[in-house]
N, C-alpha and C. Protein backbone atom coordinates (compact mmCIF):
# COMPACT_ATOMS: atom_id res chain seq x y z
N MET A 1 0.85 -1.17 0.00
CA MET A 1 0.00 0.00 0.00
C MET A 1 0.89 1.23 0.00
N GLY A 2 0.61 2.17 -0.88
CA GLY A 2 1.43 3.36 -1.01
C GLY A 2 1.20 4.34 0.12
N ALA A 3 2.15 5.26 0.30
CA ALA A 3 2.05 6.27 1.35
C ALA A 3 0.84 7.16 1.09
N GLY A 4 0.08 7.44 2.13
CA GLY A 4 -1.04 8.35 2.03
C GLY A 4 -2.32 7.72 1.50
N LYS A 5 -2.27 6.46 1.13
CA LYS A 5 -3.48 5.81 0.63
C LYS A 5 -4.19 5.09 1.77
N GLU A 6 -5.50 5.25 1.81
CA GLU A 6 -6.29 4.55 2.81
C GLU A 6 -6.56 3.13 2.33
N GLN A 7 -6.66 2.22 3.29
CA GLN A 7 -7.00 0.85 2.94
C GLN A 7 -8.47 0.81 2.51
N GLN A 8 -8.73 0.10 1.43
CA GLN A 8 -10.09 -0.04 0.92
C GLN A 8 -10.89 -0.93 1.86
N LYS A 9 -12.09 -0.48 2.24
CA LYS A 9 -12.95 -1.26 3.11
C LYS A 9 -14.20 -1.65 2.34
N ILE A 10 -14.42 -2.96 2.24
CA ILE A 10 -15.61 -3.49 1.57
C ILE A 10 -16.38 -4.31 2.60
N VAL A 11 -17.66 -4.00 2.75
CA VAL A 11 -18.51 -4.70 3.71
C VAL A 11 -19.53 -5.53 2.94
N PRO A 12 -19.48 -6.87 3.08
CA PRO A 12 -20.45 -7.73 2.39
C PRO A 12 -21.74 -7.86 3.20
N LEU A 13 -22.86 -7.63 2.53
CA LEU A 13 -24.18 -7.65 3.17
C LEU A 13 -25.17 -8.48 2.35
N VAL A 14 -26.22 -8.93 3.01
CA VAL A 14 -27.36 -9.51 2.31
C VAL A 14 -28.58 -8.66 2.62
N GLU A 15 -29.51 -8.66 1.70
CA GLU A 15 -30.79 -7.97 1.89
C GLU A 15 -31.84 -8.80 1.18
N CYS A 16 -32.97 -9.03 1.86
CA CYS A 16 -34.02 -9.85 1.27
C CYS A 16 -35.36 -9.13 1.33
N PHE A 17 -36.10 -9.27 0.26
CA PHE A 17 -37.46 -8.74 0.18
C PHE A 17 -38.40 -9.93 0.03
N ILE A 18 -39.28 -10.10 1.01
CA ILE A 18 -40.19 -11.23 1.06
C ILE A 18 -41.54 -10.78 0.51
N ARG A 19 -41.98 -11.47 -0.55
CA ARG A 19 -43.25 -11.14 -1.20
C ARG A 19 -44.39 -11.95 -0.58
N ARG A 20 -45.54 -11.31 -0.46
CA ARG A 20 -46.78 -11.97 -0.05
C ARG A 20 -47.87 -11.37 -0.93
N ASN A 21 -48.22 -12.12 -1.98
CA ASN A 21 -49.18 -11.62 -2.99
C ASN A 21 -48.66 -10.31 -3.58
N ASP A 22 -49.41 -9.21 -3.42
CA ASP A 22 -48.98 -7.93 -4.01
C ASP A 22 -48.27 -7.04 -2.98
N GLU A 23 -47.82 -7.65 -1.88
CA GLU A 23 -47.12 -6.91 -0.84
C GLU A 23 -45.69 -7.42 -0.69
N VAL A 24 -44.87 -6.60 -0.04
CA VAL A 24 -43.49 -6.99 0.26
C VAL A 24 -43.19 -6.55 1.69
N LEU A 25 -42.41 -7.37 2.40
CA LEU A 25 -42.04 -7.04 3.77
C LEU A 25 -40.83 -6.11 3.76
N VAL A 26 -40.95 -4.99 4.46
CA VAL A 26 -39.84 -4.05 4.62
C VAL A 26 -39.71 -3.70 6.10
N PHE A 27 -38.59 -3.10 6.45
CA PHE A 27 -38.37 -2.62 7.81
C PHE A 27 -38.22 -1.12 7.79
N HIS A 28 -39.01 -0.45 8.65
CA HIS A 28 -38.79 0.97 8.89
C HIS A 28 -37.73 1.03 9.98
N ARG A 29 -36.51 1.37 9.56
CA ARG A 29 -35.38 1.33 10.49
C ARG A 29 -35.58 2.33 11.63
N SER A 30 -35.20 1.92 12.80
CA SER A 30 -35.34 2.73 14.00
C SER A 30 -34.60 4.06 13.84
N PRO A 31 -35.19 5.18 14.31
CA PRO A 31 -34.50 6.46 14.26
C PRO A 31 -33.20 6.48 15.07
N SER A 32 -33.03 5.53 15.97
CA SER A 32 -31.82 5.49 16.80
C SER A 32 -30.70 4.66 16.16
N ARG A 33 -30.94 4.06 14.99
CA ARG A 33 -29.92 3.25 14.31
C ARG A 33 -28.77 4.15 13.86
N LYS A 34 -27.55 3.62 13.97
CA LYS A 34 -26.36 4.39 13.57
C LYS A 34 -26.34 4.63 12.06
N HIS A 35 -26.63 3.57 11.28
CA HIS A 35 -26.59 3.69 9.83
C HIS A 35 -28.01 3.74 9.25
N PHE A 36 -28.25 4.70 8.40
CA PHE A 36 -29.52 4.88 7.71
C PHE A 36 -30.72 4.88 8.65
N PRO A 37 -30.69 5.73 9.70
CA PRO A 37 -31.83 5.78 10.63
C PRO A 37 -33.09 6.29 9.92
N ASP A 38 -34.22 5.72 10.30
CA ASP A 38 -35.54 6.17 9.83
C ASP A 38 -35.77 5.90 8.34
N TRP A 39 -34.99 5.01 7.73
CA TRP A 39 -35.16 4.66 6.32
C TRP A 39 -35.88 3.33 6.21
N ILE A 40 -36.35 3.03 5.01
CA ILE A 40 -37.00 1.75 4.70
C ILE A 40 -35.98 0.84 4.03
N ALA A 41 -35.91 -0.40 4.49
CA ALA A 41 -34.98 -1.38 3.92
C ALA A 41 -35.61 -2.76 3.98
N GLY A 42 -34.96 -3.72 3.35
CA GLY A 42 -35.39 -5.10 3.45
C GLY A 42 -34.81 -5.74 4.70
N VAL A 43 -35.02 -7.03 4.83
CA VAL A 43 -34.39 -7.81 5.89
C VAL A 43 -32.91 -7.87 5.52
N ALA A 44 -32.04 -7.32 6.36
CA ALA A 44 -30.65 -7.17 5.94
C ALA A 44 -29.68 -7.37 7.09
N GLY A 45 -28.44 -7.67 6.71
CA GLY A 45 -27.38 -7.80 7.70
C GLY A 45 -26.07 -8.19 7.06
N LYS A 46 -25.03 -8.20 7.88
CA LYS A 46 -23.69 -8.54 7.40
C LYS A 46 -23.55 -10.05 7.20
N ILE A 47 -22.73 -10.40 6.24
CA ILE A 47 -22.36 -11.79 6.01
C ILE A 47 -21.22 -12.10 6.98
N GLU A 48 -21.39 -13.13 7.78
CA GLU A 48 -20.36 -13.49 8.76
C GLU A 48 -19.21 -14.22 8.07
N PHE A 49 -18.02 -14.12 8.65
CA PHE A 49 -16.84 -14.77 8.09
C PHE A 49 -17.10 -16.26 7.91
N GLY A 50 -16.82 -16.77 6.71
CA GLY A 50 -16.98 -18.19 6.41
C GLY A 50 -18.40 -18.61 6.07
N GLU A 51 -19.33 -17.67 6.07
CA GLU A 51 -20.73 -17.98 5.82
C GLU A 51 -21.05 -17.87 4.33
N ARG A 52 -21.80 -18.84 3.82
CA ARG A 52 -22.28 -18.75 2.44
C ARG A 52 -23.30 -17.63 2.35
N VAL A 53 -23.37 -16.97 1.21
CA VAL A 53 -24.26 -15.81 1.04
C VAL A 53 -25.71 -16.19 1.28
N ASP A 54 -26.18 -17.31 0.72
CA ASP A 54 -27.59 -17.69 0.92
C ASP A 54 -27.86 -18.07 2.37
N GLU A 55 -26.88 -18.68 3.05
CA GLU A 55 -27.04 -19.01 4.47
C GLU A 55 -27.18 -17.73 5.30
N ALA A 56 -26.40 -16.71 4.96
CA ALA A 56 -26.50 -15.42 5.67
C ALA A 56 -27.89 -14.83 5.51
N CYS A 57 -28.43 -14.92 4.32
CA CYS A 57 -29.76 -14.38 4.06
C CYS A 57 -30.81 -15.13 4.89
N LEU A 58 -30.75 -16.46 4.88
CA LEU A 58 -31.70 -17.26 5.66
C LEU A 58 -31.57 -16.98 7.16
N ARG A 59 -30.33 -16.81 7.64
CA ARG A 59 -30.11 -16.49 9.06
C ARG A 59 -30.75 -15.16 9.41
N GLU A 60 -30.52 -14.14 8.58
CA GLU A 60 -31.10 -12.82 8.85
C GLU A 60 -32.63 -12.88 8.86
N ILE A 61 -33.22 -13.64 7.95
CA ILE A 61 -34.69 -13.77 7.92
C ILE A 61 -35.17 -14.40 9.22
N ARG A 62 -34.51 -15.48 9.67
CA ARG A 62 -34.90 -16.13 10.94
C ARG A 62 -34.75 -15.17 12.11
N GLU A 63 -33.59 -14.50 12.20
CA GLU A 63 -33.31 -13.62 13.34
C GLU A 63 -34.24 -12.41 13.39
N GLU A 64 -34.50 -11.81 12.24
CA GLU A 64 -35.23 -10.54 12.22
C GLU A 64 -36.74 -10.69 12.08
N THR A 65 -37.21 -11.83 11.53
CA THR A 65 -38.65 -11.93 11.28
C THR A 65 -39.30 -13.14 11.92
N GLY A 66 -38.61 -14.27 11.98
CA GLY A 66 -39.22 -15.51 12.45
C GLY A 66 -40.12 -16.16 11.41
N LEU A 67 -40.18 -15.61 10.20
CA LEU A 67 -41.05 -16.14 9.16
C LEU A 67 -40.44 -17.35 8.46
N GLU A 68 -41.30 -18.18 7.90
CA GLU A 68 -40.88 -19.25 7.00
C GLU A 68 -41.04 -18.71 5.58
N ILE A 69 -40.01 -18.95 4.76
CA ILE A 69 -40.07 -18.48 3.37
C ILE A 69 -39.82 -19.66 2.44
N GLU A 70 -40.06 -19.41 1.15
CA GLU A 70 -39.74 -20.40 0.12
C GLU A 70 -39.28 -19.67 -1.13
N ASN A 71 -38.68 -20.42 -2.03
CA ASN A 71 -38.26 -19.88 -3.32
C ASN A 71 -37.32 -18.68 -3.19
N LEU A 72 -36.28 -18.84 -2.38
CA LEU A 72 -35.27 -17.78 -2.22
C LEU A 72 -34.44 -17.68 -3.50
N ARG A 73 -34.37 -16.47 -4.08
CA ARG A 73 -33.65 -16.26 -5.33
C ARG A 73 -32.77 -15.01 -5.25
N LEU A 74 -31.52 -15.15 -5.67
CA LEU A 74 -30.63 -14.00 -5.78
C LEU A 74 -31.07 -13.21 -7.01
N ARG A 75 -31.30 -11.90 -6.83
CA ARG A 75 -31.80 -11.08 -7.94
C ARG A 75 -30.88 -9.94 -8.32
N ALA A 76 -30.02 -9.50 -7.40
CA ALA A 76 -29.13 -8.38 -7.73
C ALA A 76 -27.90 -8.42 -6.83
N ILE A 77 -26.79 -7.93 -7.39
CA ILE A 77 -25.59 -7.70 -6.61
C ILE A 77 -25.24 -6.23 -6.81
N VAL A 78 -25.23 -5.51 -5.70
CA VAL A 78 -25.05 -4.06 -5.74
C VAL A 78 -23.73 -3.68 -5.08
N SER A 79 -22.94 -2.91 -5.79
CA SER A 79 -21.75 -2.28 -5.23
C SER A 79 -22.14 -0.83 -4.96
N GLU A 80 -22.27 -0.49 -3.67
CA GLU A 80 -22.65 0.87 -3.29
C GLU A 80 -21.41 1.54 -2.71
N ILE A 81 -20.87 2.49 -3.45
CA ILE A 81 -19.63 3.15 -3.07
C ILE A 81 -19.97 4.46 -2.37
N LEU A 82 -19.71 4.45 -1.07
CA LEU A 82 -19.95 5.61 -0.22
C LEU A 82 -18.62 6.32 0.00
N PRO A 83 -18.63 7.51 0.59
CA PRO A 83 -17.36 8.23 0.76
C PRO A 83 -16.26 7.46 1.50
N LYS A 84 -16.59 6.62 2.49
CA LYS A 84 -15.53 5.95 3.26
C LYS A 84 -15.58 4.44 3.21
N VAL A 85 -16.54 3.86 2.52
CA VAL A 85 -16.70 2.41 2.51
C VAL A 85 -17.47 1.99 1.27
N GLU A 86 -17.22 0.76 0.84
CA GLU A 86 -18.02 0.18 -0.24
C GLU A 86 -18.85 -0.95 0.35
N LEU A 87 -20.15 -0.91 0.10
CA LEU A 87 -21.04 -1.97 0.52
C LEU A 87 -21.28 -2.88 -0.67
N LEU A 88 -21.06 -4.18 -0.48
CA LEU A 88 -21.33 -5.17 -1.51
C LEU A 88 -22.57 -5.92 -1.05
N ILE A 89 -23.71 -5.65 -1.70
CA ILE A 89 -25.01 -6.12 -1.22
C ILE A 89 -25.59 -7.17 -2.16
N PHE A 90 -25.83 -8.34 -1.62
CA PHE A 90 -26.47 -9.44 -2.36
C PHE A 90 -27.96 -9.37 -2.04
N ILE A 91 -28.77 -9.03 -3.05
CA ILE A 91 -30.19 -8.81 -2.81
C ILE A 91 -30.99 -10.02 -3.30
N PHE A 92 -31.79 -10.55 -2.39
CA PHE A 92 -32.62 -11.71 -2.66
C PHE A 92 -34.10 -11.33 -2.63
N VAL A 93 -34.91 -12.16 -3.31
CA VAL A 93 -36.36 -12.09 -3.22
C VAL A 93 -36.82 -13.49 -2.82
N ALA A 94 -37.81 -13.55 -1.94
CA ALA A 94 -38.37 -14.84 -1.51
C ALA A 94 -39.88 -14.70 -1.41
N GLU A 95 -40.55 -15.82 -1.31
CA GLU A 95 -42.00 -15.84 -1.14
C GLU A 95 -42.32 -16.19 0.31
N TYR A 96 -43.29 -15.50 0.87
CA TYR A 96 -43.78 -15.79 2.22
C TYR A 96 -44.42 -17.17 2.21
N LYS A 97 -44.10 -17.98 3.22
CA LYS A 97 -44.70 -19.30 3.35
C LYS A 97 -45.66 -19.35 4.55
N SER A 98 -45.14 -18.98 5.73
CA SER A 98 -45.99 -19.02 6.92
C SER A 98 -45.33 -18.27 8.07
N GLY A 99 -46.12 -18.08 9.13
CA GLY A 99 -45.61 -17.49 10.35
C GLY A 99 -46.07 -16.06 10.57
N ASP A 100 -45.85 -15.62 11.80
CA ASP A 100 -46.17 -14.26 12.20
C ASP A 100 -44.85 -13.53 12.44
N ILE A 101 -44.80 -12.28 12.05
CA ILE A 101 -43.58 -11.49 12.20
C ILE A 101 -43.33 -11.21 13.67
N LYS A 102 -42.09 -11.45 14.10
CA LYS A 102 -41.72 -11.11 15.47
C LYS A 102 -41.14 -9.71 15.50
N GLU A 103 -41.16 -9.09 16.65
CA GLU A 103 -40.57 -7.76 16.80
C GLU A 103 -39.05 -7.85 16.63
N SER A 104 -38.46 -6.77 16.17
CA SER A 104 -37.02 -6.76 15.91
C SER A 104 -36.42 -5.43 16.36
N ALA A 105 -35.19 -5.50 16.85
CA ALA A 105 -34.46 -4.28 17.22
C ALA A 105 -34.05 -3.49 15.98
N GLU A 106 -34.11 -4.15 14.81
CA GLU A 106 -33.71 -3.49 13.56
C GLU A 106 -34.68 -2.39 13.15
N GLY A 107 -35.92 -2.52 13.58
CA GLY A 107 -36.93 -1.55 13.19
C GLY A 107 -38.30 -2.18 13.18
N LYS A 108 -39.26 -1.46 12.64
CA LYS A 108 -40.65 -1.93 12.62
C LYS A 108 -40.93 -2.64 11.29
N PRO A 109 -41.32 -3.93 11.35
CA PRO A 109 -41.65 -4.63 10.10
C PRO A 109 -43.01 -4.19 9.56
N LEU A 110 -43.08 -4.02 8.25
CA LEU A 110 -44.32 -3.56 7.60
C LEU A 110 -44.55 -4.33 6.31
N TRP A 111 -45.79 -4.77 6.08
CA TRP A 111 -46.17 -5.29 4.77
C TRP A 111 -46.68 -4.11 3.96
N ILE A 112 -46.03 -3.82 2.84
CA ILE A 112 -46.35 -2.66 2.00
C ILE A 112 -46.71 -3.15 0.60
N LYS A 113 -47.73 -2.56 0.02
CA LYS A 113 -48.07 -2.87 -1.38
C LYS A 113 -46.88 -2.48 -2.25
N ILE A 114 -46.51 -3.37 -3.16
CA ILE A 114 -45.32 -3.14 -3.99
C ILE A 114 -45.40 -1.82 -4.74
N ASP A 115 -46.58 -1.47 -5.25
CA ASP A 115 -46.69 -0.23 -6.03
C ASP A 115 -46.65 1.02 -5.14
N GLU A 116 -46.62 0.87 -3.82
CA GLU A 116 -46.52 2.01 -2.91
C GLU A 116 -45.09 2.24 -2.41
N LEU A 117 -44.17 1.34 -2.74
CA LEU A 117 -42.79 1.46 -2.27
C LEU A 117 -42.13 2.77 -2.69
N LYS A 118 -42.42 3.21 -3.90
CA LYS A 118 -41.76 4.41 -4.43
C LYS A 118 -42.06 5.67 -3.61
N MET A 119 -43.11 5.62 -2.78
CA MET A 119 -43.48 6.78 -1.97
C MET A 119 -42.77 6.80 -0.62
N LEU A 120 -41.99 5.76 -0.31
CA LEU A 120 -41.34 5.64 0.99
C LEU A 120 -39.91 6.16 0.95
N LYS A 121 -39.32 6.37 2.12
CA LYS A 121 -37.94 6.85 2.23
C LYS A 121 -37.00 5.65 2.10
N LEU A 122 -36.74 5.26 0.85
CA LEU A 122 -35.87 4.13 0.54
C LEU A 122 -34.42 4.57 0.42
N ALA A 123 -33.51 3.64 0.69
CA ALA A 123 -32.11 3.89 0.37
C ALA A 123 -32.03 4.21 -1.12
N PRO A 124 -31.14 5.12 -1.53
CA PRO A 124 -31.11 5.55 -2.93
C PRO A 124 -31.03 4.40 -3.94
N TYR A 125 -30.19 3.40 -3.69
CA TYR A 125 -30.05 2.30 -4.64
C TYR A 125 -31.35 1.50 -4.77
N LEU A 126 -32.13 1.43 -3.69
CA LEU A 126 -33.38 0.65 -3.75
C LEU A 126 -34.42 1.31 -4.65
N LYS A 127 -34.37 2.63 -4.78
CA LYS A 127 -35.31 3.32 -5.67
C LYS A 127 -35.14 2.84 -7.11
N VAL A 128 -33.92 2.46 -7.47
CA VAL A 128 -33.62 1.96 -8.81
C VAL A 128 -33.84 0.45 -8.90
N VAL A 129 -33.32 -0.27 -7.92
CA VAL A 129 -33.28 -1.73 -7.97
C VAL A 129 -34.64 -2.39 -7.75
N LEU A 130 -35.39 -1.93 -6.74
CA LEU A 130 -36.63 -2.64 -6.37
C LEU A 130 -37.68 -2.75 -7.48
N PRO A 131 -37.97 -1.68 -8.22
CA PRO A 131 -38.98 -1.85 -9.28
C PRO A 131 -38.61 -2.95 -10.28
N GLN A 132 -37.33 -3.12 -10.52
CA GLN A 132 -36.89 -4.14 -11.47
C GLN A 132 -36.98 -5.53 -10.88
N ILE A 133 -36.40 -5.74 -9.69
CA ILE A 133 -36.32 -7.10 -9.15
C ILE A 133 -37.64 -7.62 -8.59
N LEU A 134 -38.58 -6.72 -8.29
CA LEU A 134 -39.88 -7.16 -7.78
C LEU A 134 -40.91 -7.35 -8.89
N ALA A 135 -40.55 -7.03 -10.12
CA ALA A 135 -41.47 -7.26 -11.25
C ALA A 135 -41.71 -8.76 -11.40
N LYS A 136 -42.96 -9.12 -11.64
CA LYS A 136 -43.32 -10.55 -11.72
C LYS A 136 -42.58 -11.29 -12.82
N ASP A 137 -42.24 -10.62 -13.90
CA ASP A 137 -41.58 -11.29 -15.02
C ASP A 137 -40.05 -11.21 -14.96
N TYR A 138 -39.49 -10.69 -13.84
CA TYR A 138 -38.04 -10.54 -13.72
C TYR A 138 -37.38 -11.89 -13.52
N GLU A 139 -36.33 -12.13 -14.28
CA GLU A 139 -35.53 -13.36 -14.16
C GLU A 139 -34.06 -12.97 -14.14
N GLY A 140 -33.23 -13.82 -13.55
CA GLY A 140 -31.79 -13.61 -13.59
C GLY A 140 -31.28 -12.74 -12.46
N VAL A 141 -30.03 -12.33 -12.61
CA VAL A 141 -29.34 -11.50 -11.62
C VAL A 141 -28.78 -10.28 -12.36
N THR A 142 -28.98 -9.11 -11.80
CA THR A 142 -28.44 -7.88 -12.38
C THR A 142 -27.35 -7.34 -11.45
N PHE A 143 -26.27 -6.86 -12.05
CA PHE A 143 -25.16 -6.27 -11.31
C PHE A 143 -25.28 -4.75 -11.42
N TYR A 144 -25.13 -4.06 -10.27
CA TYR A 144 -25.25 -2.61 -10.21
C TYR A 144 -24.02 -2.03 -9.52
N LYS A 145 -23.70 -0.79 -9.92
CA LYS A 145 -22.69 0.00 -9.20
C LYS A 145 -23.28 1.39 -8.99
N PHE A 146 -23.31 1.82 -7.74
CA PHE A 146 -23.81 3.15 -7.38
C PHE A 146 -22.69 3.91 -6.69
N ILE A 147 -22.51 5.16 -7.06
CA ILE A 147 -21.60 6.05 -6.36
C ILE A 147 -22.48 7.06 -5.62
N ILE A 148 -22.31 7.09 -4.30
CA ILE A 148 -23.18 7.88 -3.41
C ILE A 148 -22.36 8.97 -2.73
N ASP A 149 -22.92 10.18 -2.62
CA ASP A 149 -22.19 11.26 -1.95
C ASP A 149 -22.46 11.26 -0.44
N ALA A 150 -21.87 12.22 0.26
CA ALA A 150 -21.97 12.29 1.72
C ALA A 150 -23.40 12.58 2.20
N HIS A 151 -24.27 13.03 1.30
CA HIS A 151 -25.67 13.31 1.65
C HIS A 151 -26.60 12.16 1.26
N ASN A 152 -26.01 11.01 0.91
CA ASN A 152 -26.75 9.81 0.49
C ASN A 152 -27.53 10.00 -0.82
N ASP A 153 -27.02 10.86 -1.68
CA ASP A 153 -27.61 11.03 -3.01
C ASP A 153 -26.76 10.27 -4.03
N ILE A 154 -27.41 9.76 -5.08
CA ILE A 154 -26.70 9.05 -6.13
C ILE A 154 -25.98 10.06 -7.02
N ILE A 155 -24.66 9.88 -7.16
CA ILE A 155 -23.88 10.71 -8.09
C ILE A 155 -23.99 10.07 -9.49
N SER A 156 -23.81 8.75 -9.54
CA SER A 156 -23.95 8.03 -10.81
C SER A 156 -24.22 6.56 -10.51
N TYR A 157 -24.75 5.85 -11.51
CA TYR A 157 -24.91 4.40 -11.37
C TYR A 157 -24.90 3.75 -12.74
N SER A 158 -24.61 2.47 -12.73
CA SER A 158 -24.65 1.67 -13.96
C SER A 158 -25.17 0.29 -13.58
N SER A 159 -25.66 -0.42 -14.62
CA SER A 159 -26.13 -1.79 -14.38
C SER A 159 -25.81 -2.66 -15.59
N SER A 160 -25.80 -3.97 -15.35
CA SER A 160 -25.52 -4.92 -16.43
C SER A 160 -26.76 -5.16 -17.29
N ARG A 161 -27.90 -4.65 -16.89
CA ARG A 161 -29.17 -4.83 -17.62
C ARG A 161 -29.62 -3.49 -18.15
N GLN A 162 -29.76 -3.40 -19.43
CA GLN A 162 -30.14 -2.11 -20.03
C GLN A 162 -31.62 -2.00 -20.25
């Protein structure tokens, strides 16, 4: 590493959106959260060392919701470049199978109609990604890169799907 250069920090995360008919489960993050307080996000968390990406997603769903899901599918891989860190986010979609949502320290769980998501305070990358990956006819995995400024606004983005 050269003099004066900071070490690159990449944080691997999973995020899952659970569908139930025309609704999707989201979390209204607690205003007291250190990162992205008072924002809307999916079921999300860090990938633990040595953990497979899909296992991390299933663990987060169990820990944060207590729900049973089926048909877990990877739909997007997002590189979100913030001023001091890069988040590498593996975004999954799953179908609700059964169970009642348990309370979580992560925030308040909400079932929201998919077509109402655009009216919520979403993380900037989700405003772009969610309409695509939640479409009923969406197949495959799309790769995204977002460059975000210190005010959490998108400076630029690109995707592998045009």
